[in-house]
Amino acid sequence: WDGGAGDADLFRPGLLAEPETFVILGRSADDTDRDTDTD
């Protein structure tokens, strides 16, 4: 989302505890080794 602007820290893990908040993402379907991909 940040695209290198330096504001990625805005989204903190506490958001994951909010039951009515859903962070939706679209991934490349061929991303079979996510652990080695920094983003």
PDB file of all heavy atoms in Angstrom:
ATOM      1  N   TRP A   1       0.835  -1.212   0.000  1.00  0.00           N
ATOM      2  CA  TRP A   1       0.000   0.000   0.000  1.00  0.00           C
ATOM      3  C   TRP A   1       0.860   1.249   0.000  1.00  0.00           C
ATOM      4  O   TRP A   1       0.585   2.212  -0.711  1.00  0.00           O
ATOM      5  CB  TRP A   1      -0.900  -0.021   1.238  1.00  0.00           C
ATOM      6  CG  TRP A   1      -1.557   1.289   1.545  1.00  0.00           C
ATOM      7  CD1 TRP A   1      -2.709   1.769   1.011  1.00  0.00           C
ATOM      8  CD2 TRP A   1      -1.083   2.302   2.452  1.00  0.00           C
ATOM      9  NE1 TRP A   1      -2.995   3.022   1.536  1.00  0.00           N
ATOM     10  CE2 TRP A   1      -2.012   3.364   2.420  1.00  0.00           C
ATOM     11  CE3 TRP A   1       0.021   2.393   3.302  1.00  0.00           C
ATOM     12  CZ2 TRP A   1      -1.854   4.509   3.194  1.00  0.00           C
ATOM     13  CZ3 TRP A   1       0.173   3.525   4.070  1.00  0.00           C
ATOM     14  CH2 TRP A   1      -0.753   4.571   4.021  1.00  0.00           C
ATOM     15  N   ASP A   2       1.924   1.251   0.786  1.00  0.00           N
ATOM     16  CA  ASP A   2       2.773   2.423   0.967  1.00  0.00           C
ATOM     17  C   ASP A   2       3.580   2.758  -0.275  1.00  0.00           C
ATOM     18  O   ASP A   2       3.822   3.934  -0.568  1.00  0.00           O
ATOM     19  CB  ASP A   2       3.703   2.175   2.155  1.00  0.00           C
ATOM     20  CG  ASP A   2       4.633   3.339   2.415  1.00  0.00           C
ATOM     21  OD1 ASP A   2       4.135   4.437   2.709  1.00  0.00           O
ATOM     22  OD2 ASP A   2       5.858   3.152   2.316  1.00  0.00           O
ATOM     23  N   GLY A   3       4.015   1.745  -1.001  1.00  0.00           N
ATOM     24  CA  GLY A   3       4.777   1.983  -2.220  1.00  0.00           C
ATOM     25  C   GLY A   3       6.081   2.718  -2.022  1.00  0.00           C
ATOM     26  O   GLY A   3       6.524   3.455  -2.911  1.00  0.00           O
ATOM     27  N   GLY A   4       6.698   2.564  -0.857  1.00  0.00           N
ATOM     28  CA  GLY A   4       7.988   3.193  -0.611  1.00  0.00           C
ATOM     29  C   GLY A   4       7.928   4.594  -0.052  1.00  0.00           C
ATOM     30  O   GLY A   4       8.968   5.247   0.080  1.00  0.00           O
ATOM     31  N   ALA A   5       6.741   5.082   0.322  1.00  0.00           N
ATOM     32  CA  ALA A   5       6.613   6.449   0.833  1.00  0.00           C
ATOM     33  C   ALA A   5       7.081   6.590   2.276  1.00  0.00           C
ATOM     34  O   ALA A   5       7.261   7.709   2.761  1.00  0.00           O
ATOM     35  CB  ALA A   5       5.166   6.919   0.718  1.00  0.00           C
ATOM     36  N   GLY A   6       7.247   5.479   2.982  1.00  0.00           N
ATOM     37  CA  GLY A   6       7.742   5.541   4.355  1.00  0.00           C
ATOM     38  C   GLY A   6       6.669   5.543   5.422  1.00  0.00           C
ATOM     39  O   GLY A   6       6.965   5.822   6.583  1.00  0.00           O
ATOM     40  N   ASP A   7       5.415   5.223   5.050  1.00  0.00           N
ATOM     41  CA  ASP A   7       4.322   5.282   6.018  1.00  0.00           C
ATOM     42  C   ASP A   7       3.742   3.911   6.351  1.00  0.00           C
ATOM     43  O   ASP A   7       2.651   3.819   6.917  1.00  0.00           O
ATOM     44  CB  ASP A   7       3.197   6.182   5.486  1.00  0.00           C
ATOM     45  CG  ASP A   7       3.645   7.621   5.304  1.00  0.00           C
ATOM     46  OD1 ASP A   7       4.475   8.076   6.114  1.00  0.00           O
ATOM     47  OD2 ASP A   7       3.174   8.278   4.354  1.00  0.00           O
ATOM     48  N   ALA A   8       4.441   2.840   6.007  1.00  0.00           N
ATOM     49  CA  ALA A   8       3.897   1.495   6.231  1.00  0.00           C
ATOM     50  C   ALA A   8       3.667   1.203   7.703  1.00  0.00           C
ATOM     51  O   ALA A   8       2.783   0.410   8.056  1.00  0.00           O
ATOM     52  CB  ALA A   8       4.832   0.446   5.626  1.00  0.00           C
ATOM     53  N   ASP A   9       4.425   1.843   8.614  1.00  0.00           N
ATOM     54  CA  ASP A   9       4.275   1.583  10.042  1.00  0.00           C
ATOM     55  C   ASP A   9       2.947   2.094  10.586  1.00  0.00           C
ATOM     56  O   ASP A   9       2.603   1.821  11.749  1.00  0.00           O
ATOM     57  CB  ASP A   9       5.425   2.216  10.823  1.00  0.00           C
ATOM     58  CG  ASP A   9       6.744   1.509  10.584  1.00  0.00           C
ATOM     59  OD1 ASP A   9       6.719   0.363  10.115  1.00  0.00           O
ATOM     60  OD2 ASP A   9       7.801   2.114  10.858  1.00  0.00           O
ATOM     61  N   LEU A  10       2.200   2.819   9.774  1.00  0.00           N
ATOM     62  CA  LEU A  10       0.888   3.298  10.193  1.00  0.00           C
ATOM     63  C   LEU A  10      -0.032   2.136  10.560  1.00  0.00           C
ATOM     64  O   LEU A  10      -0.849   2.238  11.471  1.00  0.00           O
ATOM     65  CB  LEU A  10       0.274   4.124   9.058  1.00  0.00           C
ATOM     66  CG  LEU A  10      -1.083   4.778   9.277  1.00  0.00           C
ATOM     67  CD1 LEU A  10      -0.996   5.817  10.378  1.00  0.00           C
ATOM     68  CD2 LEU A  10      -1.578   5.412   7.984  1.00  0.00           C
ATOM     69  N   PHE A  11       0.115   1.006   9.859  1.00  0.00           N
ATOM     70  CA  PHE A  11      -0.766  -0.139  10.054  1.00  0.00           C
ATOM     71  C   PHE A  11      -0.112  -1.111  11.037  1.00  0.00           C
ATOM     72  O   PHE A  11       0.796  -1.849  10.682  1.00  0.00           O
ATOM     73  CB  PHE A  11      -1.078  -0.805   8.719  1.00  0.00           C
ATOM     74  CG  PHE A  11      -1.897   0.074   7.823  1.00  0.00           C
ATOM     75  CD1 PHE A  11      -1.284   0.983   6.967  1.00  0.00           C
ATOM     76  CD2 PHE A  11      -3.278   0.043   7.872  1.00  0.00           C
ATOM     77  CE1 PHE A  11      -2.036   1.824   6.167  1.00  0.00           C
ATOM     78  CE2 PHE A  11      -4.041   0.879   7.083  1.00  0.00           C
ATOM     79  CZ  PHE A  11      -3.430   1.771   6.229  1.00  0.00           C
ATOM     80  N   ARG A  12      -0.592  -1.068  12.276  1.00  0.00           N
ATOM     81  CA  ARG A  12       0.022  -1.819  13.365  1.00  0.00           C
ATOM     82  C   ARG A  12      -0.739  -3.122  13.632  1.00  0.00           C
ATOM     83  O   ARG A  12      -1.928  -3.243  13.316  1.00  0.00           O
ATOM     84  CB  ARG A  12       0.045  -0.957  14.624  1.00  0.00           C
ATOM     85  CG  ARG A  12       0.911   0.291  14.446  1.00  0.00           C
ATOM     86  CD  ARG A  12       0.972   1.109  15.718  1.00  0.00           C
ATOM     87  NE  ARG A  12       1.893   2.238  15.567  1.00  0.00           N
ATOM     88  CZ  ARG A  12       2.137   3.135  16.520  1.00  0.00           C
ATOM     89  NH1 ARG A  12       1.532   3.022  17.702  1.00  0.00           N
ATOM     90  NH2 ARG A  12       2.983   4.120  16.302  1.00  0.00           N
ATOM     91  N   PRO A  13      -0.067  -4.098  14.231  1.00  0.00           N
ATOM     92  CA  PRO A  13      -0.706  -5.396  14.486  1.00  0.00           C
ATOM     93  C   PRO A  13      -1.991  -5.312  15.304  1.00  0.00           C
ATOM     94  O   PRO A  13      -2.831  -6.207  15.220  1.00  0.00           O
ATOM     95  CB  PRO A  13       0.385  -6.181  15.225  1.00  0.00           C
ATOM     96  CG  PRO A  13       1.668  -5.602  14.719  1.00  0.00           C
ATOM     97  CD  PRO A  13       1.386  -4.134  14.549  1.00  0.00           C
ATOM     98  N   GLY A  14      -2.156  -4.248  16.081  1.00  0.00           N
ATOM     99  CA  GLY A  14      -3.389  -4.102  16.848  1.00  0.00           C
ATOM    100  C   GLY A  14      -4.634  -4.107  15.994  1.00  0.00           C
ATOM    101  O   GLY A  14      -5.731  -4.441  16.478  1.00  0.00           O
ATOM    102  N   LEU A  15      -4.517  -3.750  14.720  1.00  0.00           N
ATOM    103  CA  LEU A  15      -5.667  -3.787  13.817  1.00  0.00           C
ATOM    104  C   LEU A  15      -6.240  -5.196  13.701  1.00  0.00           C
ATOM    105  O   LEU A  15      -7.439  -5.375  13.480  1.00  0.00           O
ATOM    106  CB  LEU A  15      -5.272  -3.289  12.428  1.00  0.00           C
ATOM    107  CG  LEU A  15      -5.136  -1.788  12.227  1.00  0.00           C
ATOM    108  CD1 LEU A  15      -4.621  -1.505  10.820  1.00  0.00           C
ATOM    109  CD2 LEU A  15      -6.462  -1.093  12.455  1.00  0.00           C
ATOM    110  N   LEU A  16      -5.375  -6.196  13.822  1.00  0.00           N
ATOM    111  CA  LEU A  16      -5.820  -7.579  13.660  1.00  0.00           C
ATOM    112  C   LEU A  16      -6.749  -8.013  14.786  1.00  0.00           C
ATOM    113  O   LEU A  16      -7.474  -8.998  14.652  1.00  0.00           O
ATOM    114  CB  LEU A  16      -4.606  -8.510  13.597  1.00  0.00           C
ATOM    115  CG  LEU A  16      -3.620  -8.230  12.457  1.00  0.00           C
ATOM    116  CD1 LEU A  16      -2.388  -9.123  12.598  1.00  0.00           C
ATOM    117  CD2 LEU A  16      -4.281  -8.429  11.099  1.00  0.00           C
ATOM    118  N   ALA A  17      -6.729  -7.294  15.898  1.00  0.00           N
ATOM    119  CA  ALA A  17      -7.594  -7.616  17.031  1.00  0.00           C
ATOM    120  C   ALA A  17      -8.961  -6.953  16.929  1.00  0.00           C
ATOM    121  O   ALA A  17      -9.828  -7.193  17.772  1.00  0.00           O
ATOM    122  CB  ALA A  17      -6.921  -7.205  18.335  1.00  0.00           C
ATOM    123  N   GLU A  18      -9.156  -6.110  15.913  1.00  0.00           N
ATOM    124  CA  GLU A  18     -10.429  -5.417  15.743  1.00  0.00           C
ATOM    125  C   GLU A  18     -11.394  -6.325  14.972  1.00  0.00           C
ATOM    126  O   GLU A  18     -11.188  -6.582  13.781  1.00  0.00           O
ATOM    127  CB  GLU A  18     -10.227  -4.106  14.986  1.00  0.00           C
ATOM    128  CG  GLU A  18      -9.362  -3.095  15.720  1.00  0.00           C
ATOM    129  CD  GLU A  18     -10.057  -2.556  16.967  1.00  0.00           C
ATOM    130  OE1 GLU A  18     -11.308  -2.520  17.001  1.00  0.00           O
ATOM    131  OE2 GLU A  18      -9.343  -2.183  17.912  1.00  0.00           O
ATOM    132  N   PRO A  19     -12.452  -6.814  15.595  1.00  0.00           N
ATOM    133  CA  PRO A  19     -13.307  -7.805  14.933  1.00  0.00           C
ATOM    134  C   PRO A  19     -14.082  -7.283  13.734  1.00  0.00           C
ATOM    135  O   PRO A  19     -14.539  -8.077  12.912  1.00  0.00           O
ATOM    136  CB  PRO A  19     -14.262  -8.246  16.057  1.00  0.00           C
ATOM    137  CG  PRO A  19     -14.285  -7.096  17.010  1.00  0.00           C
ATOM    138  CD  PRO A  19     -12.899  -6.511  16.973  1.00  0.00           C
ATOM    139  N   GLU A  20     -14.231  -5.976  13.623  1.00  0.00           N
ATOM    140  CA  GLU A  20     -14.995  -5.421  12.510  1.00  0.00           C
ATOM    141  C   GLU A  20     -14.100  -4.819  11.427  1.00  0.00           C
ATOM    142  O   GLU A  20     -14.584  -4.148  10.528  1.00  0.00           O
ATOM    143  CB  GLU A  20     -15.980  -4.358  13.019  1.00  0.00           C
ATOM    144  CG  GLU A  20     -16.866  -4.817  14.157  1.00  0.00           C
ATOM    145  CD  GLU A  20     -17.711  -6.035  13.801  1.00  0.00           C
ATOM    146  OE1 GLU A  20     -17.987  -6.240  12.606  1.00  0.00           O
ATOM    147  OE2 GLU A  20     -18.086  -6.790  14.716  1.00  0.00           O
ATOM    148  N   THR A  21     -12.790  -5.028  11.529  1.00  0.00           N
ATOM    149  CA  THR A  21     -11.849  -4.504  10.538  1.00  0.00           C
ATOM    150  C   THR A  21     -11.239  -5.661   9.764  1.00  0.00           C
ATOM    151  O   THR A  21     -10.774  -6.631  10.347  1.00  0.00           O
ATOM    152  CB  THR A  21     -10.741  -3.693  11.224  1.00  0.00           C
ATOM    153  OG1 THR A  21     -11.327  -2.587  11.908  1.00  0.00           O
ATOM    154  CG2 THR A  21      -9.734  -3.163  10.197  1.00  0.00           C
ATOM    155  N   PHE A  22     -11.227  -5.534   8.435  1.00  0.00           N
ATOM    156  CA  PHE A  22     -10.740  -6.583   7.553  1.00  0.00           C
ATOM    157  C   PHE A  22      -9.773  -5.967   6.544  1.00  0.00           C
ATOM    158  O   PHE A  22     -10.180  -5.106   5.750  1.00  0.00           O
ATOM    159  CB  PHE A  22     -11.904  -7.250   6.811  1.00  0.00           C
ATOM    160  CG  PHE A  22     -12.926  -7.865   7.722  1.00  0.00           C
ATOM    161  CD1 PHE A  22     -13.866  -7.061   8.376  1.00  0.00           C
ATOM    162  CD2 PHE A  22     -12.952  -9.225   7.951  1.00  0.00           C
ATOM    163  CE1 PHE A  22     -14.813  -7.613   9.227  1.00  0.00           C
ATOM    164  CE2 PHE A  22     -13.896  -9.789   8.803  1.00  0.00           C
ATOM    165  CZ  PHE A  22     -14.825  -8.974   9.445  1.00  0.00           C
ATOM    166  N   VAL A  23      -8.523  -6.379   6.595  1.00  0.00           N
ATOM    167  CA  VAL A  23      -7.521  -5.891   5.652  1.00  0.00           C
ATOM    168  C   VAL A  23      -7.485  -6.880   4.486  1.00  0.00           C
ATOM    169  O   VAL A  23      -6.999  -8.004   4.622  1.00  0.00           O
ATOM    170  CB  VAL A  23      -6.150  -5.755   6.313  1.00  0.00           C
ATOM    171  CG1 VAL A  23      -5.105  -5.276   5.302  1.00  0.00           C
ATOM    172  CG2 VAL A  23      -6.221  -4.789   7.497  1.00  0.00           C
ATOM    173  N   ILE A  24      -8.032  -6.444   3.360  1.00  0.00           N
ATOM    174  CA  ILE A  24      -8.173  -7.308   2.184  1.00  0.00           C
ATOM    175  C   ILE A  24      -6.957  -7.144   1.293  1.00  0.00           C
ATOM    176  O   ILE A  24      -6.501  -6.027   1.041  1.00  0.00           O
ATOM    177  CB  ILE A  24      -9.451  -6.947   1.417  1.00  0.00           C
ATOM    178  CG1 ILE A  24     -10.687  -7.191   2.302  1.00  0.00           C
ATOM    179  CG2 ILE A  24      -9.559  -7.720   0.112  1.00  0.00           C
ATOM    180  CD1 ILE A  24     -11.959  -6.619   1.734  1.00  0.00           C
ATOM    181  N   LEU A  25      -6.444  -8.257   0.793  1.00  0.00           N
ATOM    182  CA  LEU A  25      -5.282  -8.182  -0.087  1.00  0.00           C
ATOM    183  C   LEU A  25      -5.473  -9.082  -1.294  1.00  0.00           C
ATOM    184  O   LEU A  25      -6.173 -10.092  -1.239  1.00  0.00           O
ATOM    185  CB  LEU A  25      -4.018  -8.581   0.674  1.00  0.00           C
ATOM    186  CG  LEU A  25      -4.049  -9.929   1.408  1.00  0.00           C
ATOM    187  CD1 LEU A  25      -3.233 -10.968   0.656  1.00  0.00           C
ATOM    188  CD2 LEU A  25      -3.489  -9.759   2.817  1.00  0.00           C
ATOM    189  N   GLY A  26      -4.870  -8.657  -2.386  1.00  0.00           N
ATOM    190  CA  GLY A  26      -4.824  -9.472  -3.592  1.00  0.00           C
ATOM    191  C   GLY A  26      -3.386  -9.893  -3.839  1.00  0.00           C
ATOM    192  O   GLY A  26      -2.479  -9.055  -3.832  1.00  0.00           O
ATOM    193  N   ARG A  27      -3.175 -11.197  -4.014  1.00  0.00           N
ATOM    194  CA  ARG A  27      -1.838 -11.738  -4.236  1.00  0.00           C
ATOM    195  C   ARG A  27      -1.745 -12.347  -5.624  1.00  0.00           C
ATOM    196  O   ARG A  27      -2.746 -12.753  -6.214  1.00  0.00           O
ATOM    197  CB  ARG A  27      -1.522 -12.852  -3.236  1.00  0.00           C
ATOM    198  CG  ARG A  27      -1.302 -12.452  -1.798  1.00  0.00           C
ATOM    199  CD  ARG A  27      -0.847 -13.677  -1.026  1.00  0.00           C
ATOM    200  NE  ARG A  27      -0.700 -13.471   0.399  1.00  0.00           N
ATOM    201  CZ  ARG A  27       0.406 -13.018   0.972  1.00  0.00           C
ATOM    202  NH1 ARG A  27       1.448 -12.699   0.240  1.00  0.00           N
ATOM    203  NH2 ARG A  27       0.471 -12.882   2.279  1.00  0.00           N
ATOM    204  N   SER A  28      -0.531 -12.469  -6.110  1.00  0.00           N
ATOM    205  CA  SER A  28      -0.284 -13.231  -7.317  1.00  0.00           C
ATOM    206  C   SER A  28      -0.535 -14.703  -7.015  1.00  0.00           C
ATOM    207  O   SER A  28      -0.034 -15.242  -6.022  1.00  0.00           O
ATOM    208  CB  SER A  28       1.160 -13.042  -7.798  1.00  0.00           C
ATOM    209  OG  SER A  28       1.393 -11.695  -8.134  1.00  0.00           O
ATOM    210  N   ALA A  29      -1.305 -15.349  -7.853  1.00  0.00           N
ATOM    211  CA  ALA A  29      -1.662 -16.742  -7.613  1.00  0.00           C
ATOM    212  C   ALA A  29      -0.465 -17.665  -7.663  1.00  0.00           C
ATOM    213  O   ALA A  29      -0.483 -18.749  -7.087  1.00  0.00           O
ATOM    214  CB  ALA A  29      -2.708 -17.187  -8.629  1.00  0.00           C
ATOM    215  N   ASP A  30       0.595 -17.261  -8.350  1.00  0.00           N
ATOM    216  CA  ASP A  30       1.768 -18.130  -8.469  1.00  0.00           C
ATOM    217  C   ASP A  30       2.785 -17.895  -7.357  1.00  0.00           C
ATOM    218  O   ASP A  30       3.910 -18.378  -7.417  1.00  0.00           O
ATOM    219  CB  ASP A  30       2.457 -17.934  -9.819  1.00  0.00           C
ATOM    220  CG  ASP A  30       2.962 -16.513 -10.016  1.00  0.00           C
ATOM    221  OD1 ASP A  30       2.683 -15.661  -9.143  1.00  0.00           O
ATOM    222  OD2 ASP A  30       3.614 -16.262 -11.044  1.00  0.00           O
ATOM    223  N   ASP A  31       2.348 -17.142  -6.291  1.00  0.00           N
ATOM    224  CA  ASP A  31       3.246 -16.867  -5.164  1.00  0.00           C
ATOM    225  C   ASP A  31       3.296 -18.097  -4.265  1.00  0.00           C
ATOM    226  O   ASP A  31       2.581 -18.202  -3.265  1.00  0.00           O
ATOM    227  CB  ASP A  31       2.734 -15.654  -4.389  1.00  0.00           C
ATOM    228  CG  ASP A  31       3.639 -15.284  -3.234  1.00  0.00           C
ATOM    229  OD1 ASP A  31       4.794 -15.741  -3.211  1.00  0.00           O
ATOM    230  OD2 ASP A  31       3.170 -14.541  -2.360  1.00  0.00           O
ATOM    231  N   THR A  32       4.130 -19.037  -4.596  1.00  0.00           N
ATOM    232  CA  THR A  32       4.168 -20.309  -3.873  1.00  0.00           C
ATOM    233  C   THR A  32       5.183 -20.325  -2.751  1.00  0.00           C
ATOM    234  O   THR A  32       5.193 -21.247  -1.936  1.00  0.00           O
ATOM    235  CB  THR A  32       4.499 -21.464  -4.845  1.00  0.00           C
ATOM    236  OG1 THR A  32       5.757 -21.181  -5.475  1.00  0.00           O
ATOM    237  CG2 THR A  32       3.421 -21.589  -5.901  1.00  0.00           C
ATOM    238  N   ASP A  33       6.064 -19.315  -2.676  1.00  0.00           N
ATOM    239  CA  ASP A  33       7.096 -19.303  -1.645  1.00  0.00           C
ATOM    240  C   ASP A  33       7.122 -17.928  -0.996  1.00  0.00           C
ATOM    241  O   ASP A  33       8.048 -17.155  -1.165  1.00  0.00           O
ATOM    242  CB  ASP A  33       8.458 -19.646  -2.247  1.00  0.00           C
ATOM    243  CG  ASP A  33       9.527 -19.847  -1.161  1.00  0.00           C
ATOM    244  OD1 ASP A  33       9.140 -19.880   0.025  1.00  0.00           O
ATOM    245  OD2 ASP A  33      10.712 -19.961  -1.508  1.00  0.00           O
ATOM    246  N   ARG A  34       6.046 -17.607  -0.238  1.00  0.00           N
ATOM    247  CA  ARG A  34       5.870 -16.267   0.308  1.00  0.00           C
ATOM    248  C   ARG A  34       6.942 -15.910   1.315  1.00  0.00           C
ATOM    249  O   ARG A  34       7.268 -14.754   1.500  1.00  0.00           O
ATOM    250  CB  ARG A  34       4.485 -16.163   0.947  1.00  0.00           C
ATOM    251  CG  ARG A  34       3.357 -16.344  -0.065  1.00  0.00           C
ATOM    252  CD  ARG A  34       2.014 -16.347   0.613  1.00  0.00           C
ATOM    253  NE  ARG A  34       0.951 -16.590  -0.354  1.00  0.00           N
ATOM    254  CZ  ARG A  34      -0.313 -16.783  -0.025  1.00  0.00           C
ATOM    255  NH1 ARG A  34      -0.670 -16.765   1.247  1.00  0.00           N
ATOM    256  NH2 ARG A  34      -1.224 -16.999  -0.945  1.00  0.00           N
ATOM    257  N   ASP A  35       7.491 -16.916   2.010  1.00  0.00           N
ATOM    258  CA  ASP A  35       8.460 -16.615   3.068  1.00  0.00           C
ATOM    259  C   ASP A  35       9.740 -16.001   2.529  1.00  0.00           C
ATOM    260  O   ASP A  35      10.477 -15.348   3.259  1.00  0.00           O
ATOM    261  CB  ASP A  35       8.812 -17.894   3.840  1.00  0.00           C
ATOM    262  CG  ASP A  35       7.648 -18.371   4.696  1.00  0.00           C
ATOM    263  OD1 ASP A  35       6.741 -17.558   4.956  1.00  0.00           O
ATOM    264  OD2 ASP A  35       7.662 -19.548   5.084  1.00  0.00           O
ATOM    265  N   THR A  36      10.028 -16.201   1.250  1.00  0.00           N
ATOM    266  CA  THR A  36      11.257 -15.653   0.699  1.00  0.00           C
ATOM    267  C   THR A  36      11.039 -14.330  -0.013  1.00  0.00           C
ATOM    268  O   THR A  36      11.967 -13.769  -0.555  1.00  0.00           O
ATOM    269  CB  THR A  36      11.882 -16.652  -0.298  1.00  0.00           C
ATOM    270  OG1 THR A  36      10.999 -16.816  -1.422  1.00  0.00           O
ATOM    271  CG2 THR A  36      12.126 -17.998   0.362  1.00  0.00           C
ATOM    272  N   ASP A  37       9.813 -13.843  -0.006  1.00  0.00           N
ATOM    273  CA  ASP A  37       9.472 -12.619  -0.740  1.00  0.00           C
ATOM    274  C   ASP A  37       9.230 -11.507   0.260  1.00  0.00           C
ATOM    275  O   ASP A  37       8.334 -11.593   1.087  1.00  0.00           O
ATOM    276  CB  ASP A  37       8.212 -12.860  -1.584  1.00  0.00           C
ATOM    277  CG  ASP A  37       8.035 -11.800  -2.652  1.00  0.00           C
ATOM    278  OD1 ASP A  37       8.441 -10.656  -2.423  1.00  0.00           O
ATOM    279  OD2 ASP A  37       7.488 -12.133  -3.717  1.00  0.00           O
ATOM    280  N   THR A  38      10.014 -10.438   0.188  1.00  0.00           N
ATOM    281  CA  THR A  38       9.977  -9.412   1.231  1.00  0.00           C
ATOM    282  C   THR A  38       8.643  -8.686   1.298  1.00  0.00           C
ATOM    283  O   THR A  38       8.283  -8.179   2.352  1.00  0.00           O
ATOM    284  CB  THR A  38      11.093  -8.374   0.992  1.00  0.00           C
ATOM    285  OG1 THR A  38      10.948  -7.817  -0.314  1.00  0.00           O
ATOM    286  CG2 THR A  38      12.451  -9.028   1.128  1.00  0.00           C
ATOM    287  N   ASP A  39       7.907  -8.587   0.204  1.00  0.00           N
ATOM    288  CA  ASP A  39       6.625  -7.898   0.285  1.00  0.00           C
ATOM    289  C   ASP A  39       5.459  -8.850   0.103  1.00  0.00           C
ATOM    290  O   ASP A  39       4.318  -8.424   0.022  1.00  0.00           O
ATOM    291  CB  ASP A  39       6.536  -6.758  -0.742  1.00  0.00           C
ATOM    292  CG  ASP A  39       6.487  -7.244  -2.181  1.00  0.00           C
ATOM    293  OD1 ASP A  39       6.516  -8.463  -2.419  1.00  0.00           O
ATOM    294  OD2 ASP A  39       6.424  -6.381  -3.063  1.00  0.00           O
TER     295      ASP A  39
END
